[in-house]
């Protein structure tokens, strides 16, 4: 069978160091079961790593979103405090005017 090529399938059979090796019509060697299992295991490992990275990225995005919401809340609170201070200032100015004191001249 050394170097024999199947006329129907176009595959080539060679005797190698590890036994019979079979090559596809394009010249690429068919992988053994062990080689296929190794590739599957590597693919699973890569998939798990990619999944972990995606989960970590999702967690970071959620944390960033929470920080943005907290900042928005702080900004809203600051705006409310500024509005309250403005209202208090207006009330005090109105009281001074009632007492015939110009608050702008003080």
N, C-alpha and C. Protein backbone atom coordinates (compact mmCIF):
# COMPACT_ATOMS: atom_id res chain seq x y z
N UNK A 1 0.82 -1.21 0.00
CA UNK A 1 0.00 0.00 0.00
C UNK A 1 0.85 1.26 0.00
N UNK A 2 2.14 1.13 0.11
CA UNK A 2 3.02 2.29 0.18
C UNK A 2 2.82 3.16 -1.06
N UNK A 3 2.36 4.41 -0.81
CA UNK A 3 2.18 5.36 -1.89
C UNK A 3 0.95 5.11 -2.75
N UNK A 4 0.11 4.16 -2.37
CA UNK A 4 -1.06 3.86 -3.19
C UNK A 4 -2.08 4.97 -3.07
N UNK A 5 -2.68 5.35 -4.19
CA UNK A 5 -3.71 6.40 -4.22
C UNK A 5 -5.01 5.77 -4.68
N UNK A 6 -6.03 5.95 -3.88
CA UNK A 6 -7.34 5.41 -4.23
C UNK A 6 -7.86 6.14 -5.46
N UNK A 7 -8.19 5.42 -6.52
CA UNK A 7 -8.70 6.09 -7.73
C UNK A 7 -10.06 6.73 -7.50
N UNK A 8 -10.87 6.17 -6.63
CA UNK A 8 -12.21 6.71 -6.40
C UNK A 8 -12.18 7.89 -5.43
N UNK A 9 -11.43 7.74 -4.33
CA UNK A 9 -11.42 8.77 -3.28
C UNK A 9 -10.31 9.79 -3.45
N UNK A 10 -9.26 9.41 -4.11
CA UNK A 10 -8.13 10.32 -4.29
C UNK A 10 -7.26 10.43 -3.06
N UNK A 11 -7.45 9.53 -2.08
CA UNK A 11 -6.62 9.58 -0.88
C UNK A 11 -5.39 8.71 -1.09
N UNK A 12 -4.30 9.13 -0.42
CA UNK A 12 -3.02 8.43 -0.55
C UNK A 12 -2.68 7.76 0.76
N UNK A 13 -2.14 6.57 0.70
CA UNK A 13 -1.77 5.79 1.87
C UNK A 13 -0.25 5.68 1.92
N UNK A 14 0.32 6.00 3.08
CA UNK A 14 1.77 5.92 3.29
C UNK A 14 2.03 5.21 4.60
N UNK A 15 3.14 4.50 4.66
CA UNK A 15 3.58 3.91 5.92
C UNK A 15 4.57 4.86 6.55
N UNK A 16 4.21 5.39 7.72
CA UNK A 16 5.06 6.31 8.43
C UNK A 16 5.65 5.67 9.66
N UNK A 17 6.32 6.48 10.46
CA UNK A 17 6.94 5.97 11.69
C UNK A 17 5.89 5.45 12.67
N UNK A 18 4.74 6.08 12.70
CA UNK A 18 3.68 5.70 13.65
C UNK A 18 2.68 4.74 13.04
N UNK A 19 2.91 4.28 11.86
CA UNK A 19 1.98 3.36 11.21
C UNK A 19 1.45 3.96 9.93
N UNK A 20 0.26 3.53 9.59
CA UNK A 20 -0.36 3.96 8.34
C UNK A 20 -0.80 5.42 8.45
N UNK A 21 -0.40 6.19 7.45
CA UNK A 21 -0.81 7.59 7.37
C UNK A 21 -1.64 7.75 6.11
N UNK A 22 -2.72 8.49 6.24
CA UNK A 22 -3.62 8.68 5.12
C UNK A 22 -3.67 10.17 4.79
N UNK A 23 -3.54 10.49 3.50
CA UNK A 23 -3.51 11.88 3.05
C UNK A 23 -4.70 12.16 2.15
N UNK A 24 -5.25 13.32 2.32
CA UNK A 24 -6.40 13.74 1.53
C UNK A 24 -5.95 14.05 0.10
N UNK A 25 -6.92 14.20 -0.79
CA UNK A 25 -6.55 14.51 -2.18
C UNK A 25 -5.74 15.80 -2.32
N UNK A 26 -5.92 16.75 -1.37
CA UNK A 26 -5.15 18.01 -1.44
C UNK A 26 -3.76 17.87 -0.83
N UNK A 27 -3.42 16.65 -0.36
CA UNK A 27 -2.10 16.40 0.20
C UNK A 27 -2.01 16.57 1.70
N UNK A 28 -3.06 17.07 2.32
CA UNK A 28 -3.05 17.26 3.76
C UNK A 28 -3.33 15.93 4.45
N UNK A 29 -2.63 15.70 5.55
CA UNK A 29 -2.75 14.43 6.28
C UNK A 29 -4.05 14.42 7.09
N UNK A 30 -4.76 13.30 7.04
CA UNK A 30 -5.90 13.11 7.92
C UNK A 30 -5.38 13.03 9.35
N UNK A 31 -6.07 13.66 10.27
CA UNK A 31 -5.64 13.64 11.67
C UNK A 31 -6.10 12.35 12.33
N UNK A 32 -5.30 11.89 13.28
CA UNK A 32 -5.68 10.71 14.05
C UNK A 32 -6.73 11.11 15.08
N UNK A 33 -7.34 10.09 15.69
CA UNK A 33 -8.33 10.35 16.72
C UNK A 33 -7.72 11.15 17.86
N UNK A 34 -6.51 10.78 18.27
CA UNK A 34 -5.84 11.49 19.37
C UNK A 34 -5.58 12.95 18.99
N UNK A 35 -5.17 13.19 17.76
CA UNK A 35 -4.92 14.57 17.31
C UNK A 35 -6.22 15.37 17.27
N UNK A 36 -7.29 14.73 16.81
CA UNK A 36 -8.60 15.40 16.79
C UNK A 36 -9.07 15.72 18.20
N UNK A 37 -8.89 14.79 19.13
CA UNK A 37 -9.29 15.03 20.52
C UNK A 37 -8.47 16.16 21.13
N UNK A 38 -7.19 16.19 20.80
CA UNK A 38 -6.35 17.28 21.32
C UNK A 38 -6.83 18.63 20.79
N UNK A 39 -7.17 18.67 19.50
CA UNK A 39 -7.69 19.92 18.93
C UNK A 39 -9.01 20.32 19.57
N UNK A 40 -9.88 19.34 19.81
CA UNK A 40 -11.17 19.62 20.46
C UNK A 40 -10.95 20.17 21.87
N UNK A 41 -10.01 19.55 22.60
CA UNK A 41 -9.73 20.00 23.97
C UNK A 41 -9.20 21.42 23.97
N UNK A 42 -8.31 21.73 23.02
CA UNK A 42 -7.79 23.09 22.91
C UNK A 42 -8.89 24.07 22.54
N UNK A 43 -9.77 23.66 21.65
CA UNK A 43 -10.88 24.54 21.26
C UNK A 43 -11.81 24.80 22.44
N UNK A 44 -12.09 23.74 23.22
CA UNK A 44 -12.94 23.92 24.41
C UNK A 44 -12.27 24.87 25.40
N UNK A 45 -10.97 24.69 25.59
CA UNK A 45 -10.24 25.54 26.52
C UNK A 45 -10.28 27.00 26.07
N UNK A 46 -10.06 27.21 24.77
CA UNK A 46 -10.12 28.58 24.24
C UNK A 46 -11.50 29.17 24.40
N UNK A 47 -12.51 28.36 24.18
CA UNK A 47 -13.89 28.82 24.32
C UNK A 47 -14.17 29.21 25.77
N UNK A 48 -13.71 28.41 26.71
CA UNK A 48 -13.91 28.73 28.12
C UNK A 48 -13.18 30.01 28.49
N UNK A 49 -11.97 30.18 27.98
CA UNK A 49 -11.22 31.40 28.27
C UNK A 49 -11.91 32.62 27.67
N UNK A 50 -12.41 32.47 26.46
CA UNK A 50 -13.13 33.58 25.82
C UNK A 50 -14.40 33.90 26.60
N UNK A 51 -15.08 32.86 27.09
CA UNK A 51 -16.28 33.07 27.88
C UNK A 51 -15.95 33.80 29.18
N UNK A 52 -14.86 33.41 29.82
CA UNK A 52 -14.45 34.09 31.06
C UNK A 52 -14.10 35.55 30.79
N UNK A 53 -13.39 35.80 29.68
CA UNK A 53 -13.06 37.19 29.34
C UNK A 53 -14.32 37.99 29.07
N UNK A 54 -15.29 37.37 28.40
CA UNK A 54 -16.55 38.07 28.12
C UNK A 54 -17.30 38.38 29.42
N UNK A 55 -17.30 37.42 30.34
CA UNK A 55 -17.97 37.65 31.62
C UNK A 55 -17.28 38.76 32.41
N UNK A 56 -15.95 38.76 32.38
CA UNK A 56 -15.21 39.81 33.08
C UNK A 56 -15.49 41.17 32.45
N UNK A 57 -15.53 41.21 31.13
CA UNK A 57 -15.83 42.47 30.44
C UNK A 57 -17.24 42.94 30.78
N UNK A 58 -18.17 42.00 30.87
CA UNK A 58 -19.54 42.34 31.23
C UNK A 58 -19.60 42.89 32.65
N UNK A 59 -18.86 42.28 33.56
CA UNK A 59 -18.82 42.77 34.94
C UNK A 59 -18.23 44.17 34.99
N UNK A 60 -17.14 44.39 34.24
CA UNK A 60 -16.54 45.73 34.22
C UNK A 60 -17.51 46.75 33.65
N UNK A 61 -18.25 46.36 32.63
CA UNK A 61 -19.23 47.28 32.04
C UNK A 61 -20.34 47.59 33.04
N UNK A 62 -20.79 46.59 33.77
CA UNK A 62 -21.82 46.81 34.78
C UNK A 62 -21.31 47.73 35.89
N UNK A 63 -20.05 47.52 36.29
CA UNK A 63 -19.48 48.38 37.33
C UNK A 63 -19.36 49.81 36.83
N UNK A 64 -18.94 49.96 35.59
CA UNK A 64 -18.83 51.30 35.01
C UNK A 64 -20.20 51.96 34.93
N UNK A 65 -21.21 51.18 34.58
CA UNK A 65 -22.57 51.70 34.51
C UNK A 65 -23.05 52.13 35.89
N UNK A 66 -22.75 51.33 36.91
CA UNK A 66 -23.13 51.70 38.27
C UNK A 66 -22.42 52.97 38.71
N UNK A 67 -21.13 53.10 38.39
CA UNK A 67 -20.40 54.32 38.74
C UNK A 67 -21.00 55.53 38.02
N UNK A 68 -21.38 55.35 36.78
CA UNK A 68 -21.99 56.46 36.03
C UNK A 68 -23.32 56.86 36.66
N UNK A 69 -24.10 55.86 37.08
CA UNK A 69 -25.38 56.16 37.73
C UNK A 69 -25.15 56.89 39.06
N UNK A 70 -24.15 56.46 39.82
CA UNK A 70 -23.84 57.13 41.07
C UNK A 70 -23.41 58.58 40.83
N UNK A 71 -22.59 58.78 39.81
CA UNK A 71 -22.16 60.14 39.48
C UNK A 71 -23.34 60.99 39.06
N UNK A 72 -24.25 60.40 38.31
CA UNK A 72 -25.44 61.14 37.89
C UNK A 72 -26.29 61.51 39.10
N UNK A 73 -26.41 60.59 40.06
CA UNK A 73 -27.16 60.88 41.28
C UNK A 73 -26.49 61.99 42.08
N UNK A 74 -25.15 61.93 42.18
CA UNK A 74 -24.44 62.99 42.90
C UNK A 74 -24.62 64.34 42.21
N UNK A 75 -24.58 64.33 40.90
CA UNK A 75 -24.77 65.58 40.15
C UNK A 75 -26.18 66.11 40.37
N UNK A 76 -27.16 65.22 40.40
CA UNK A 76 -28.54 65.64 40.64
C UNK A 76 -28.68 66.21 42.05
N UNK A 77 -28.04 65.58 43.03
CA UNK A 77 -28.09 66.08 44.40
C UNK A 77 -27.43 67.45 44.50
N UNK A 78 -26.31 67.62 43.82
CA UNK A 78 -25.65 68.93 43.81
C UNK A 78 -26.53 69.98 43.17
N UNK A 79 -27.20 69.62 42.11
CA UNK A 79 -28.10 70.57 41.44
C UNK A 79 -29.25 70.95 42.36
N UNK A 80 -29.78 69.97 43.10
CA UNK A 80 -30.86 70.24 44.05
C UNK A 80 -30.37 71.16 45.17
N UNK A 81 -29.16 70.89 45.69
CA UNK A 81 -28.62 71.75 46.75
C UNK A 81 -28.41 73.18 46.23
N UNK A 82 -27.92 73.29 45.00
CA UNK A 82 -27.71 74.61 44.42
C UNK A 82 -29.05 75.33 44.26
N UNK A 83 -30.06 74.61 43.83
CA UNK A 83 -31.40 75.20 43.67
C UNK A 83 -31.94 75.64 45.03
N UNK A 84 -31.76 74.81 46.05
CA UNK A 84 -32.23 75.16 47.39
C UNK A 84 -31.49 76.39 47.91
N UNK A 85 -30.18 76.47 47.66
CA UNK A 85 -29.40 77.63 48.10
C UNK A 85 -29.87 78.88 47.36
N UNK A 86 -30.18 78.74 46.09
CA UNK A 86 -30.68 79.88 45.30
C UNK A 86 -32.03 80.36 45.85
N UNK A 87 -32.91 79.41 46.15
CA UNK A 87 -34.22 79.77 46.71
C UNK A 87 -34.07 80.45 48.07
N UNK A 88 -33.15 79.93 48.89
CA UNK A 88 -32.92 80.54 50.21
C UNK A 88 -32.38 81.96 50.04
N UNK A 89 -31.47 82.10 49.09
CA UNK A 89 -30.91 83.44 48.83
C UNK A 89 -32.00 84.40 48.36
N UNK A 90 -32.89 83.94 47.52
CA UNK A 90 -33.99 84.78 47.03
C UNK A 90 -34.93 85.17 48.19
N UNK A 91 -35.21 84.23 49.07
CA UNK A 91 -36.08 84.52 50.22
C UNK A 91 -35.43 85.55 51.15
N UNK A 92 -34.13 85.38 51.40
CA UNK A 92 -33.43 86.34 52.26
C UNK A 92 -33.39 87.73 51.62
N UNK A 93 -33.17 87.76 50.31
CA UNK A 93 -33.16 89.05 49.61
C UNK A 93 -34.53 89.70 49.69
N UNK A 94 -35.59 88.90 49.57
CA UNK A 94 -36.95 89.45 49.66
C UNK A 94 -37.21 89.99 51.07
N UNK A 95 -36.73 89.31 52.10
CA UNK A 95 -36.89 89.78 53.48
C UNK A 95 -36.17 91.10 53.68
N UNK A 96 -34.96 91.20 53.14
CA UNK A 96 -34.21 92.44 53.26
C UNK A 96 -34.94 93.59 52.57
N UNK A 97 -35.52 93.30 51.41
CA UNK A 97 -36.26 94.34 50.70
C UNK A 97 -37.49 94.79 51.51
N UNK A 98 -38.13 93.83 52.22
CA UNK A 98 -39.27 94.18 53.07
C UNK A 98 -38.83 95.14 54.18
N UNK A 99 -37.58 95.02 54.59
CA UNK A 99 -37.06 95.88 55.62
C UNK A 99 -36.41 97.15 55.04
N UNK A 100 -36.67 97.39 53.75
CA UNK A 100 -36.13 98.54 53.01
C UNK A 100 -34.60 98.53 52.99
N UNK A 101 -34.02 97.32 52.87
CA UNK A 101 -32.58 97.19 52.72
C UNK A 101 -32.33 96.57 51.35
N UNK A 102 -31.46 97.25 50.62
CA UNK A 102 -31.13 96.77 49.28
C UNK A 102 -30.09 95.64 49.42
N UNK A 103 -30.46 94.39 49.09
CA UNK A 103 -29.51 93.29 49.27
C UNK A 103 -28.32 93.37 48.31
N UNK A 104 -28.46 94.09 47.22
CA UNK A 104 -27.36 94.21 46.27
C UNK A 104 -26.29 95.18 46.74
N UNK A 105 -26.63 96.04 47.68
CA UNK A 105 -25.65 97.04 48.19
C UNK A 105 -24.91 96.52 49.40
N UNK A 106 -25.25 95.36 49.88
CA UNK A 106 -24.60 94.83 51.08
C UNK A 106 -23.33 94.12 50.72
